[in-house]
PDB file of N, CA and C in Angstrom:
ATOM      1  N   MET A   1      68.317 138.826  95.594  1.00  0.00           N
ATOM      2  CA  MET A   1      68.031 137.652  95.359  1.00  0.00           C
ATOM      3  C   MET A   1      68.700 136.948  93.880  1.00  0.00           C
ATOM      4  N   LYS A   2      70.092 137.623  93.138  1.00  0.00           N
ATOM      5  CA  LYS A   2      70.453 137.219  92.329  1.00  0.00           C
ATOM      6  C   LYS A   2      71.382 136.224  93.199  1.00  0.00           C
ATOM      7  N   ILE A   3      72.178 136.810  93.881  1.00  0.00           N
ATOM      8  CA  ILE A   3      73.247 135.980  94.647  1.00  0.00           C
ATOM      9  C   ILE A   3      72.665 135.010  95.019  1.00  0.00           C
ATOM     10  N   LEU A   4      71.708 134.829  95.353  1.00  0.00           N
ATOM     11  CA  LEU A   4      70.957 133.091  96.494  1.00  0.00           C
ATOM     12  C   LEU A   4      70.598 132.377  94.422  1.00  0.00           C
ATOM     13  N   LEU A   5      70.515 133.044  93.701  1.00  0.00           N
ATOM     14  CA  LEU A   5      70.811 132.161  92.710  1.00  0.00           C
ATOM     15  C   LEU A   5      71.657 131.821  91.975  1.00  0.00           C
ATOM     16  N   LEU A   6      72.602 132.849  92.262  1.00  0.00           N
ATOM     17  CA  LEU A   6      74.403 132.513  90.865  1.00  0.00           C
ATOM     18  C   LEU A   6      74.718 131.862  92.558  1.00  0.00           C
ATOM     19  N   ALA A   7      74.504 131.625  93.567  1.00  0.00           N
ATOM     20  CA  ALA A   7      75.409 130.402  94.120  1.00  0.00           C
ATOM     21  C   ALA A   7      75.765 129.278  93.959  1.00  0.00           C
ATOM     22  N   PRO A   8      74.363 128.463  93.853  1.00  0.00           N
ATOM     23  CA  PRO A   8      74.311 127.053  93.517  1.00  0.00           C
ATOM     24  C   PRO A   8      74.588 126.975  92.093  1.00  0.00           C
ATOM     25  N   LEU A   9      73.705 128.176  90.903  1.00  0.00           N
ATOM     26  CA  LEU A   9      74.510 127.741  89.568  1.00  0.00           C
ATOM     27  C   LEU A   9      76.445 127.637  89.500  1.00  0.00           C
ATOM     28  N   LEU A  10      77.465 128.132  90.451  1.00  0.00           N
ATOM     29  CA  LEU A  10      78.260 128.480  90.182  1.00  0.00           C
ATOM     30  C   LEU A  10      79.268 127.233  90.921  1.00  0.00           C
ATOM     31  N   ALA A  11      78.503 126.401  91.307  1.00  0.00           N
ATOM     32  CA  ALA A  11      78.468 125.078  92.515  1.00  0.00           C
ATOM     33  C   ALA A  11      78.510 124.099  91.099  1.00  0.00           C
ATOM     34  N   LEU A  12      77.186 124.442  90.435  1.00  0.00           N
ATOM     35  CA  LEU A  12      77.323 122.790  89.851  1.00  0.00           C
ATOM     36  C   LEU A  12      78.402 123.443  88.141  1.00  0.00           C
ATOM     37  N   ALA A  13      78.619 124.812  88.344  1.00  0.00           N
ATOM     38  CA  ALA A  13      79.475 124.432  87.154  1.00  0.00           C
ATOM     39  C   ALA A  13      81.084 123.967  87.236  1.00  0.00           C
ATOM     40  N   GLY A  14      81.262 124.483  89.196  1.00  0.00           N
ATOM     41  CA  GLY A  14      82.160 123.467  89.300  1.00  0.00           C
ATOM     42  C   GLY A  14      82.567 122.191  89.028  1.00  0.00           C
ATOM     43  N   CYS A  15      81.064 121.095  89.331  1.00  0.00           N
ATOM     44  CA  CYS A  15      81.471 120.512  89.558  1.00  0.00           C
ATOM     45  C   CYS A  15      81.080 119.738  87.780  1.00  0.00           C
ATOM     46  N   ALA A  16      80.481 120.485  87.028  1.00  0.00           N
ATOM     47  CA  ALA A  16      80.527 119.933  85.543  1.00  0.00           C
ATOM     48  C   ALA A  16      81.979 119.741  85.201  1.00  0.00           C
ATOM     49  N   SER A  17      82.824 121.077  85.116  1.00  0.00           N
ATOM     50  CA  SER A  17      84.036 121.297  84.819  1.00  0.00           C
ATOM     51  C   SER A  17      85.353 119.848  85.178  1.00  0.00           C
ATOM     52  N   MET A  18      85.100 119.415  86.327  1.00  0.00           N
ATOM     53  CA  MET A  18      85.796 118.419  86.403  1.00  0.00           C
ATOM     54  C   MET A  18      86.074 117.344  85.913  1.00  0.00           C
ATOM     55  N   GLY A  19      85.179 116.776  84.729  1.00  0.00           N
ATOM     56  CA  GLY A  19      85.011 115.742  84.071  1.00  0.00           C
ATOM     57  C   GLY A  19      85.386 114.111  84.735  1.00  0.00           C
ATOM     58  N   SER A  20      85.615 112.916  84.246  1.00  0.00           N
ATOM     59  CA  SER A  20      85.174 111.883  84.469  1.00  0.00           C
ATOM     60  C   SER A  20      86.844 111.332  85.003  1.00  0.00           C
ATOM     61  N   SER A  21      86.944 110.504  84.804  1.00  0.00           N
ATOM     62  CA  SER A  21      88.633 109.904  85.295  1.00  0.00           C
ATOM     63  C   SER A  21      88.772 109.290  83.895  1.00  0.00           C
ATOM     64  N   ALA A  22      88.439 109.081  83.430  1.00  0.00           N
ATOM     65  CA  ALA A  22      88.024 107.896  81.949  1.00  0.00           C
ATOM     66  C   ALA A  22      88.653 109.204  80.760  1.00  0.00           C
ATOM     67  N   ALA A  23      88.263 110.159  80.797  1.00  0.00           N
ATOM     68  CA  ALA A  23      88.755 111.329  80.108  1.00  0.00           C
ATOM     69  C   ALA A  23      89.821 111.799  80.320  1.00  0.00           C
ATOM     70  N   ASP A  24      90.558 111.885  81.455  1.00  0.00           N
ATOM     71  CA  ASP A  24      92.053 112.220  81.650  1.00  0.00           C
ATOM     72  C   ASP A  24      93.225 110.825  81.108  1.00  0.00           C
ATOM     73  N   PRO A  25      93.673 111.012  79.999  1.00  0.00           N
ATOM     74  CA  PRO A  25      94.763 109.639  79.623  1.00  0.00           C
ATOM     75  C   PRO A  25      95.461 109.355  80.208  1.00  0.00           C
ATOM     76  N   GLY A  26      95.716 109.703  81.723  1.00  0.00           N
ATOM     77  CA  GLY A  26      97.019 109.607  82.607  1.00  0.00           C
ATOM     78  C   GLY A  26      96.216 108.878  84.257  1.00  0.00           C
ATOM     79  N   MET A  27      94.810 108.922  84.140  1.00  0.00           N
ATOM     80  CA  MET A  27      94.321 108.035  85.271  1.00  0.00           C
ATOM     81  C   MET A  27      94.237 106.604  85.443  1.00  0.00           C
ATOM     82  N   ASP A  28      94.422 105.925  86.442  1.00  0.00           N
ATOM     83  CA  ASP A  28      94.457 104.706  86.519  1.00  0.00           C
ATOM     84  C   ASP A  28      95.678 103.814  86.058  1.00  0.00           C
ATOM     85  N   LEU A  29      96.624 104.999  85.619  1.00  0.00           N
ATOM     86  CA  LEU A  29      98.011 104.227  85.339  1.00  0.00           C
ATOM     87  C   LEU A  29      99.029 104.147  86.715  1.00  0.00           C
ATOM     88  N   ALA A  30      98.661 104.277  87.763  1.00  0.00           N
ATOM     89  CA  ALA A  30      99.494 104.623  89.089  1.00  0.00           C
ATOM     90  C   ALA A  30     100.125 103.476  89.177  1.00  0.00           C
ATOM     91  N   ASP A  31      99.982 102.410  89.110  1.00  0.00           N
ATOM     92  CA  ASP A  31     100.746 101.327  88.809  1.00  0.00           C
ATOM     93  C   ASP A  31     101.179 100.624  87.949  1.00  0.00           C
ATOM     94  N   ALA A  32     101.774 101.374  86.814  1.00  0.00           N
ATOM     95  CA  ALA A  32     101.769 100.609  85.488  1.00  0.00           C
ATOM     96  C   ALA A  32     103.188 101.020  85.175  1.00  0.00           C
ATOM     97  N   GLN A  33     103.823  99.947  84.449  1.00  0.00           N
ATOM     98  CA  GLN A  33     104.927  99.374  83.654  1.00  0.00           C
ATOM     99  C   GLN A  33     105.346 100.671  82.913  1.00  0.00           C
ATOM    100  N   VAL A  34     106.503 100.974  82.522  1.00  0.00           N
ATOM    101  CA  VAL A  34     106.416 102.190  81.285  1.00  0.00           C
ATOM    102  C   VAL A  34     107.752 102.157  80.701  1.00  0.00           C
ATOM    103  N   ALA A  35     107.990 101.640  79.617  1.00  0.00           N
ATOM    104  CA  ALA A  35     108.416 101.534  78.771  1.00  0.00           C
ATOM    105  C   ALA A  35     108.827 102.046  77.326  1.00  0.00           C
ATOM    106  N   VAL A  36     110.183 102.947  77.502  1.00  0.00           N
ATOM    107  CA  VAL A  36     110.446 103.897  76.749  1.00  0.00           C
ATOM    108  C   VAL A  36     110.745 103.806  75.849  1.00  0.00           C
ATOM    109  N   ARG A  37     110.288 104.119  74.342  1.00  0.00           N
ATOM    110  CA  ARG A  37     111.897 103.787  73.150  1.00  0.00           C
ATOM    111  C   ARG A  37     112.036 105.468  72.539  1.00  0.00           C
ATOM    112  N   THR A  38     112.989 105.579  71.242  1.00  0.00           N
ATOM    113  CA  THR A  38     113.142 106.326  70.765  1.00  0.00           C
ATOM    114  C   THR A  38     112.899 105.842  69.260  1.00  0.00           C
ATOM    115  N   GLU A  39     112.531 106.655  68.442  1.00  0.00           N
ATOM    116  CA  GLU A  39     112.118 105.784  67.127  1.00  0.00           C
ATOM    117  C   GLU A  39     113.883 106.744  65.873  1.00  0.00           C
ATOM    118  N   ALA A  40     113.948 105.907  65.202  1.00  0.00           N
ATOM    119  CA  ALA A  40     114.726 107.119  64.538  1.00  0.00           C
ATOM    120  C   ALA A  40     114.085 107.721  63.712  1.00  0.00           C
ATOM    121  N   ASN A  41     113.396 108.690  63.356  1.00  0.00           N
ATOM    122  CA  ASN A  41     112.621 109.720  63.269  1.00  0.00           C
ATOM    123  C   ASN A  41     112.921 111.077  64.077  1.00  0.00           C
ATOM    124  N   GLY A  42     113.016 110.264  65.917  1.00  0.00           N
ATOM    125  CA  GLY A  42     113.118 111.416  67.139  1.00  0.00           C
ATOM    126  C   GLY A  42     112.029 111.313  67.805  1.00  0.00           C
ATOM    127  N   ASP A  43     111.513 110.276  67.054  1.00  0.00           N
ATOM    128  CA  ASP A  43     109.501 110.559  68.598  1.00  0.00           C
ATOM    129  C   ASP A  43     109.954 109.256  69.222  1.00  0.00           C
ATOM    130  N   VAL A  44     109.105 109.980  70.257  1.00  0.00           N
ATOM    131  CA  VAL A  44     109.720 109.752  71.760  1.00  0.00           C
ATOM    132  C   VAL A  44     108.495 108.110  72.266  1.00  0.00           C
ATOM    133  N   ILE A  45     108.002 106.777  72.340  1.00  0.00           N
ATOM    134  CA  ILE A  45     107.077 106.208  72.296  1.00  0.00           C
ATOM    135  C   ILE A  45     106.927 105.880  73.894  1.00  0.00           C
ATOM    136  N   GLN A  46     106.270 106.109  74.677  1.00  0.00           N
ATOM    137  CA  GLN A  46     105.788 105.479  75.978  1.00  0.00           C
ATOM    138  C   GLN A  46     105.057 104.382  75.999  1.00  0.00           C
ATOM    139  N   GLU A  47     105.086 103.163  76.409  1.00  0.00           N
ATOM    140  CA  GLU A  47     104.299 102.162  76.438  1.00  0.00           C
ATOM    141  C   GLU A  47     103.843 102.050  77.724  1.00  0.00           C
ATOM    142  N   TYR A  48     102.583 101.941  78.338  1.00  0.00           N
ATOM    143  CA  TYR A  48     101.977 102.161  79.871  1.00  0.00           C
ATOM    144  C   TYR A  48     101.251 100.503  79.973  1.00  0.00           C
ATOM    145  N   ARG A  49     101.574  99.950  80.887  1.00  0.00           N
ATOM    146  CA  ARG A  49     101.111  98.087  80.630  1.00  0.00           C
ATOM    147  C   ARG A  49     101.145  98.346  82.619  1.00  0.00           C
ATOM    148  N   VAL A  50      99.193  97.788  82.272  1.00  0.00           N
ATOM    149  CA  VAL A  50      99.222  97.206  83.935  1.00  0.00           C
ATOM    150  C   VAL A  50      98.783  95.972  83.872  1.00  0.00           C
ATOM    151  N   ALA A  51      99.828  94.928  84.483  1.00  0.00           N
ATOM    152  CA  ALA A  51      98.860  93.661  85.170  1.00  0.00           C
ATOM    153  C   ALA A  51      99.797  92.921  83.375  1.00  0.00           C
ATOM    154  N   GLY A  52     100.941  93.557  82.950  1.00  0.00           N
ATOM    155  CA  GLY A  52     100.961  92.782  81.317  1.00  0.00           C
ATOM    156  C   GLY A  52     100.196  93.545  80.268  1.00  0.00           C
ATOM    157  N   GLN A  53      99.261  94.395  80.829  1.00  0.00           N
ATOM    158  CA  GLN A  53      97.980  94.318  79.131  1.00  0.00           C
ATOM    159  C   GLN A  53      98.840  95.774  79.089  1.00  0.00           C
ATOM    160  N   LEU A  54      98.675  96.064  77.584  1.00  0.00           N
ATOM    161  CA  LEU A  54      98.985  97.511  77.676  1.00  0.00           C
ATOM    162  C   LEU A  54      97.713  98.504  77.390  1.00  0.00           C
ATOM    163  N   ARG A  55      97.751  99.670  78.400  1.00  0.00           N
ATOM    164  CA  ARG A  55      96.576 100.277  78.327  1.00  0.00           C
ATOM    165  C   ARG A  55      96.594 101.603  77.301  1.00  0.00           C
ATOM    166  N   MET A  56      97.685 102.021  76.760  1.00  0.00           N
ATOM    167  CA  MET A  56      97.929 103.550  76.517  1.00  0.00           C
ATOM    168  C   MET A  56      99.379 103.532  76.334  1.00  0.00           C
ATOM    169  N   VAL A  57      99.790 103.801  75.756  1.00  0.00           N
ATOM    170  CA  VAL A  57     100.542 104.992  74.517  1.00  0.00           C
ATOM    171  C   VAL A  57     100.722 106.457  74.141  1.00  0.00           C
ATOM    172  N   LYS A  58     101.711 106.852  74.543  1.00  0.00           N
ATOM    173  CA  LYS A  58     101.860 108.014  74.153  1.00  0.00           C
ATOM    174  C   LYS A  58     103.272 108.450  73.518  1.00  0.00           C
ATOM    175  N   VAL A  59     102.754 109.183  72.300  1.00  0.00           N
ATOM    176  CA  VAL A  59     103.800 109.545  71.299  1.00  0.00           C
ATOM    177  C   VAL A  59     104.476 110.760  71.699  1.00  0.00           C
ATOM    178  N   THR A  60     105.420 111.127  71.967  1.00  0.00           N
ATOM    179  CA  THR A  60     105.895 112.920  71.375  1.00  0.00           C
ATOM    180  C   THR A  60     106.473 112.884  69.983  1.00  0.00           C
ATOM    181  N   PRO A  61     106.201 113.267  69.243  1.00  0.00           N
ATOM    182  CA  PRO A  61     106.504 113.489  68.065  1.00  0.00           C
ATOM    183  C   PRO A  61     107.744 114.419  68.005  1.00  0.00           C
ATOM    184  N   SER A  62     108.842 114.441  67.318  1.00  0.00           N
ATOM    185  CA  SER A  62     109.846 115.245  67.368  1.00  0.00           C
ATOM    186  C   SER A  62     109.604 116.892  67.207  1.00  0.00           C
ATOM    187  N   ARG A  63     108.592 117.000  66.488  1.00  0.00           N
ATOM    188  CA  ARG A  63     107.932 118.438  66.198  1.00  0.00           C
ATOM    189  C   ARG A  63     106.213 117.516  66.966  1.00  0.00           C
ATOM    190  N   GLY A  64     105.716 118.902  67.271  1.00  0.00           N
ATOM    191  CA  GLY A  64     104.639 119.011  67.257  1.00  0.00           C
ATOM    192  C   GLY A  64     104.136 118.204  68.866  1.00  0.00           C
ATOM    193  N   PRO A  65     102.735 118.444  68.826  1.00  0.00           N
ATOM    194  CA  PRO A  65     102.205 118.212  70.669  1.00  0.00           C
ATOM    195  C   PRO A  65     102.437 116.575  70.429  1.00  0.00           C
ATOM    196  N   ALA A  66     102.298 115.934  71.942  1.00  0.00           N
ATOM    197  CA  ALA A  66     102.254 114.885  72.170  1.00  0.00           C
ATOM    198  C   ALA A  66     100.716 114.367  71.953  1.00  0.00           C
ATOM    199  N   TYR A  67     100.559 112.985  71.722  1.00  0.00           N
ATOM    200  CA  TYR A  67      99.579 112.276  71.822  1.00  0.00           C
ATOM    201  C   TYR A  67      99.146 110.841  72.134  1.00  0.00           C
ATOM    202  N   TYR A  68      97.765 110.271  72.286  1.00  0.00           N
ATOM    203  CA  TYR A  68      97.962 109.124  73.275  1.00  0.00           C
ATOM    204  C   TYR A  68      96.921 108.634  72.303  1.00  0.00           C
ATOM    205  N   LEU A  69      97.205 107.277  72.357  1.00  0.00           N
ATOM    206  CA  LEU A  69      96.187 106.412  71.756  1.00  0.00           C
ATOM    207  C   LEU A  69      96.001 105.449  73.179  1.00  0.00           C
ATOM    208  N   MET A  70      94.382 104.487  73.159  1.00  0.00           N
ATOM    209  CA  MET A  70      94.217 103.794  74.362  1.00  0.00           C
ATOM    210  C   MET A  70      93.891 103.033  73.893  1.00  0.00           C
ATOM    211  N   ASP A  71      93.536 102.269  75.471  1.00  0.00           N
ATOM    212  CA  ASP A  71      92.673 100.739  75.277  1.00  0.00           C
ATOM    213  C   ASP A  71      91.843 101.685  76.122  1.00  0.00           C
ATOM    214  N   GLU A  72      90.211 101.485  75.497  1.00  0.00           N
ATOM    215  CA  GLU A  72      89.219 101.828  76.618  1.00  0.00           C
ATOM    216  C   GLU A  72      88.873 100.758  77.465  1.00  0.00           C
ATOM    217  N   ASN A  73      88.743  99.792  76.335  1.00  0.00           N
ATOM    218  CA  ASN A  73      88.052  98.519  77.454  1.00  0.00           C
ATOM    219  C   ASN A  73      88.494  97.672  77.962  1.00  0.00           C
ATOM    220  N   GLY A  74      90.009  97.825  78.328  1.00  0.00           N
ATOM    221  CA  GLY A  74      90.521  96.755  78.659  1.00  0.00           C
ATOM    222  C   GLY A  74      91.494  95.550  78.325  1.00  0.00           C
ATOM    223  N   ASP A  75      91.191  95.093  76.457  1.00  0.00           N
ATOM    224  CA  ASP A  75      91.380  93.803  76.603  1.00  0.00           C
ATOM    225  C   ASP A  75      92.508  93.780  75.937  1.00  0.00           C
ATOM    226  N   GLY A  76      93.523  94.864  76.634  1.00  0.00           N
ATOM    227  CA  GLY A  76      95.132  94.737  76.162  1.00  0.00           C
ATOM    228  C   GLY A  76      95.639  95.155  74.548  1.00  0.00           C
ATOM    229  N   ARG A  77      94.610  95.542  74.271  1.00  0.00           N
ATOM    230  CA  ARG A  77      94.749  96.192  72.261  1.00  0.00           C
ATOM    231  C   ARG A  77      94.113  97.719  72.310  1.00  0.00           C
ATOM    232  N   LEU A  78      94.582  97.910  71.720  1.00  0.00           N
ATOM    233  CA  LEU A  78      94.877  99.437  71.148  1.00  0.00           C
ATOM    234  C   LEU A  78      93.332  99.871  70.734  1.00  0.00           C
ATOM    235  N   ASP A  79      92.290 100.345  71.043  1.00  0.00           N
ATOM    236  CA  ASP A  79      90.944 100.586  70.141  1.00  0.00           C
ATOM    237  C   ASP A  79      91.112 100.949  69.004  1.00  0.00           C
ATOM    238  N   LYS A  80      90.498 101.097  68.213  1.00  0.00           N
ATOM    239  CA  LYS A  80      90.190 100.921  66.511  1.00  0.00           C
ATOM    240  C   LYS A  80      88.658 101.887  66.480  1.00  0.00           C
ATOM    241  N   SER A  81      88.538 102.680  65.874  1.00  0.00           N
ATOM    242  CA  SER A  81      87.606 103.356  65.420  1.00  0.00           C
ATOM    243  C   SER A  81      86.183 102.502  65.174  1.00  0.00           C
ATOM    244  N   LYS A  82      84.895 102.983  65.300  1.00  0.00           N
ATOM    245  CA  LYS A  82      83.717 101.864  65.603  1.00  0.00           C
ATOM    246  C   LYS A  82      83.557 102.127  63.668  1.00  0.00           C
ATOM    247  N   GLY A  83      83.526 103.126  62.887  1.00  0.00           N
ATOM    248  CA  GLY A  83      83.114 103.008  61.683  1.00  0.00           C
ATOM    249  C   GLY A  83      84.194 101.840  60.562  1.00  0.00           C
ATOM    250  N   GLU A  84      84.491 101.776  59.379  1.00  0.00           N
ATOM    251  CA  GLU A  84      85.065 101.429  58.624  1.00  0.00           C
ATOM    252  C   GLU A  84      86.650 101.806  58.235  1.00  0.00           C
ATOM    253  N   GLY A  85      87.473 100.669  58.472  1.00  0.00           N
ATOM    254  CA  GLY A  85      88.942 100.805  58.328  1.00  0.00           C
ATOM    255  C   GLY A  85      89.792 100.358  59.755  1.00  0.00           C
ATOM    256  N   THR A  86      90.901 100.424  59.892  1.00  0.00           N
ATOM    257  CA  THR A  86      91.711 100.797  61.007  1.00  0.00           C
ATOM    258  C   THR A  86      92.071 101.605  61.787  1.00  0.00           C
ATOM    259  N   VAL A  87      91.899 102.900  61.717  1.00  0.00           N
ATOM    260  CA  VAL A  87      92.267 103.714  62.223  1.00  0.00           C
ATOM    261  C   VAL A  87      91.672 103.679  64.105  1.00  0.00           C
ATOM    262  N   SER A  88      93.025 104.108  64.643  1.00  0.00           N
ATOM    263  CA  SER A  88      92.859 104.283  66.008  1.00  0.00           C
ATOM    264  C   SER A  88      92.830 105.882  66.177  1.00  0.00           C
ATOM    265  N   PRO A  89      91.575 106.074  66.949  1.00  0.00           N
ATOM    266  CA  PRO A  89      91.374 107.084  67.927  1.00  0.00           C
ATOM    267  C   PRO A  89      92.544 107.765  69.025  1.00  0.00           C
ATOM    268  N   VAL A  90      92.881 109.069  68.398  1.00  0.00           N
ATOM    269  CA  VAL A  90      93.602 109.579  68.761  1.00  0.00           C
ATOM    270  C   VAL A  90      93.446 110.751  70.043  1.00  0.00           C
ATOM    271  N   TYR A  91      94.033 110.506  70.669  1.00  0.00           N
ATOM    272  CA  TYR A  91      93.360 111.954  72.062  1.00  0.00           C
ATOM    273  C   TYR A  91      94.866 113.311  71.970  1.00  0.00           C
ATOM    274  N   TRP A  92      94.226 114.063  72.596  1.00  0.00           N
ATOM    275  CA  TRP A  92      95.705 115.769  72.717  1.00  0.00           C
ATOM    276  C   TRP A  92      94.764 115.806  74.702  1.00  0.00           C
ATOM    277  N   LYS A  93      96.010 115.559  74.908  1.00  0.00           N
ATOM    278  CA  LYS A  93      95.431 116.470  76.705  1.00  0.00           C
ATOM    279  C   LYS A  93      95.265 118.424  75.844  1.00  0.00           C
ATOM    280  N   LEU A  94      94.559 118.711  76.485  1.00  0.00           N
ATOM    281  CA  LEU A  94      94.467 120.335  76.072  1.00  0.00           C
ATOM    282  C   LEU A  94      94.673 121.133  77.059  1.00  0.00           C
ATOM    283  N   TYR A  95      94.282 120.592  78.237  1.00  0.00           N
ATOM    284  CA  TYR A  95      94.823 121.485  79.311  1.00  0.00           C
ATOM    285  C   TYR A  95      95.104 120.813  80.870  1.00  0.00           C
ATOM    286  N   GLY A  96      95.649 121.189  81.419  1.00  0.00           N
ATOM    287  CA  GLY A  96      96.222 120.350  82.611  1.00  0.00           C
ATOM    288  C   GLY A  96      96.444 121.184  83.949  1.00  0.00           C
ATOM    289  N   TRP A  97      95.830 120.933  84.783  1.00  0.00           N
ATOM    290  CA  TRP A  97      96.498 121.613  86.333  1.00  0.00           C
ATOM    291  C   TRP A  97      97.159 121.101  87.376  1.00  0.00           C
TER     292      TRP A  97
END
């Protein structure tokens, strides 16, 4: 009886862990043109453009993990926080396979 109840729960857990494509910074960029430049401090900046519009920027600092700045709404400009100020939300890729 316990096995019959456990199987559907495991199947649902597998579906829930898949996530959406919007959560992955690299999705929908298969046809993107990538411009790479290195700043004077050693940071590597990769700009991803689709049809000429900026979609994502990946910053790989000389020290520390890479992070992403994204355009979630497709207007060609990096998103700003919804609160006061002009701080862009920053995304880190925590796990991948």
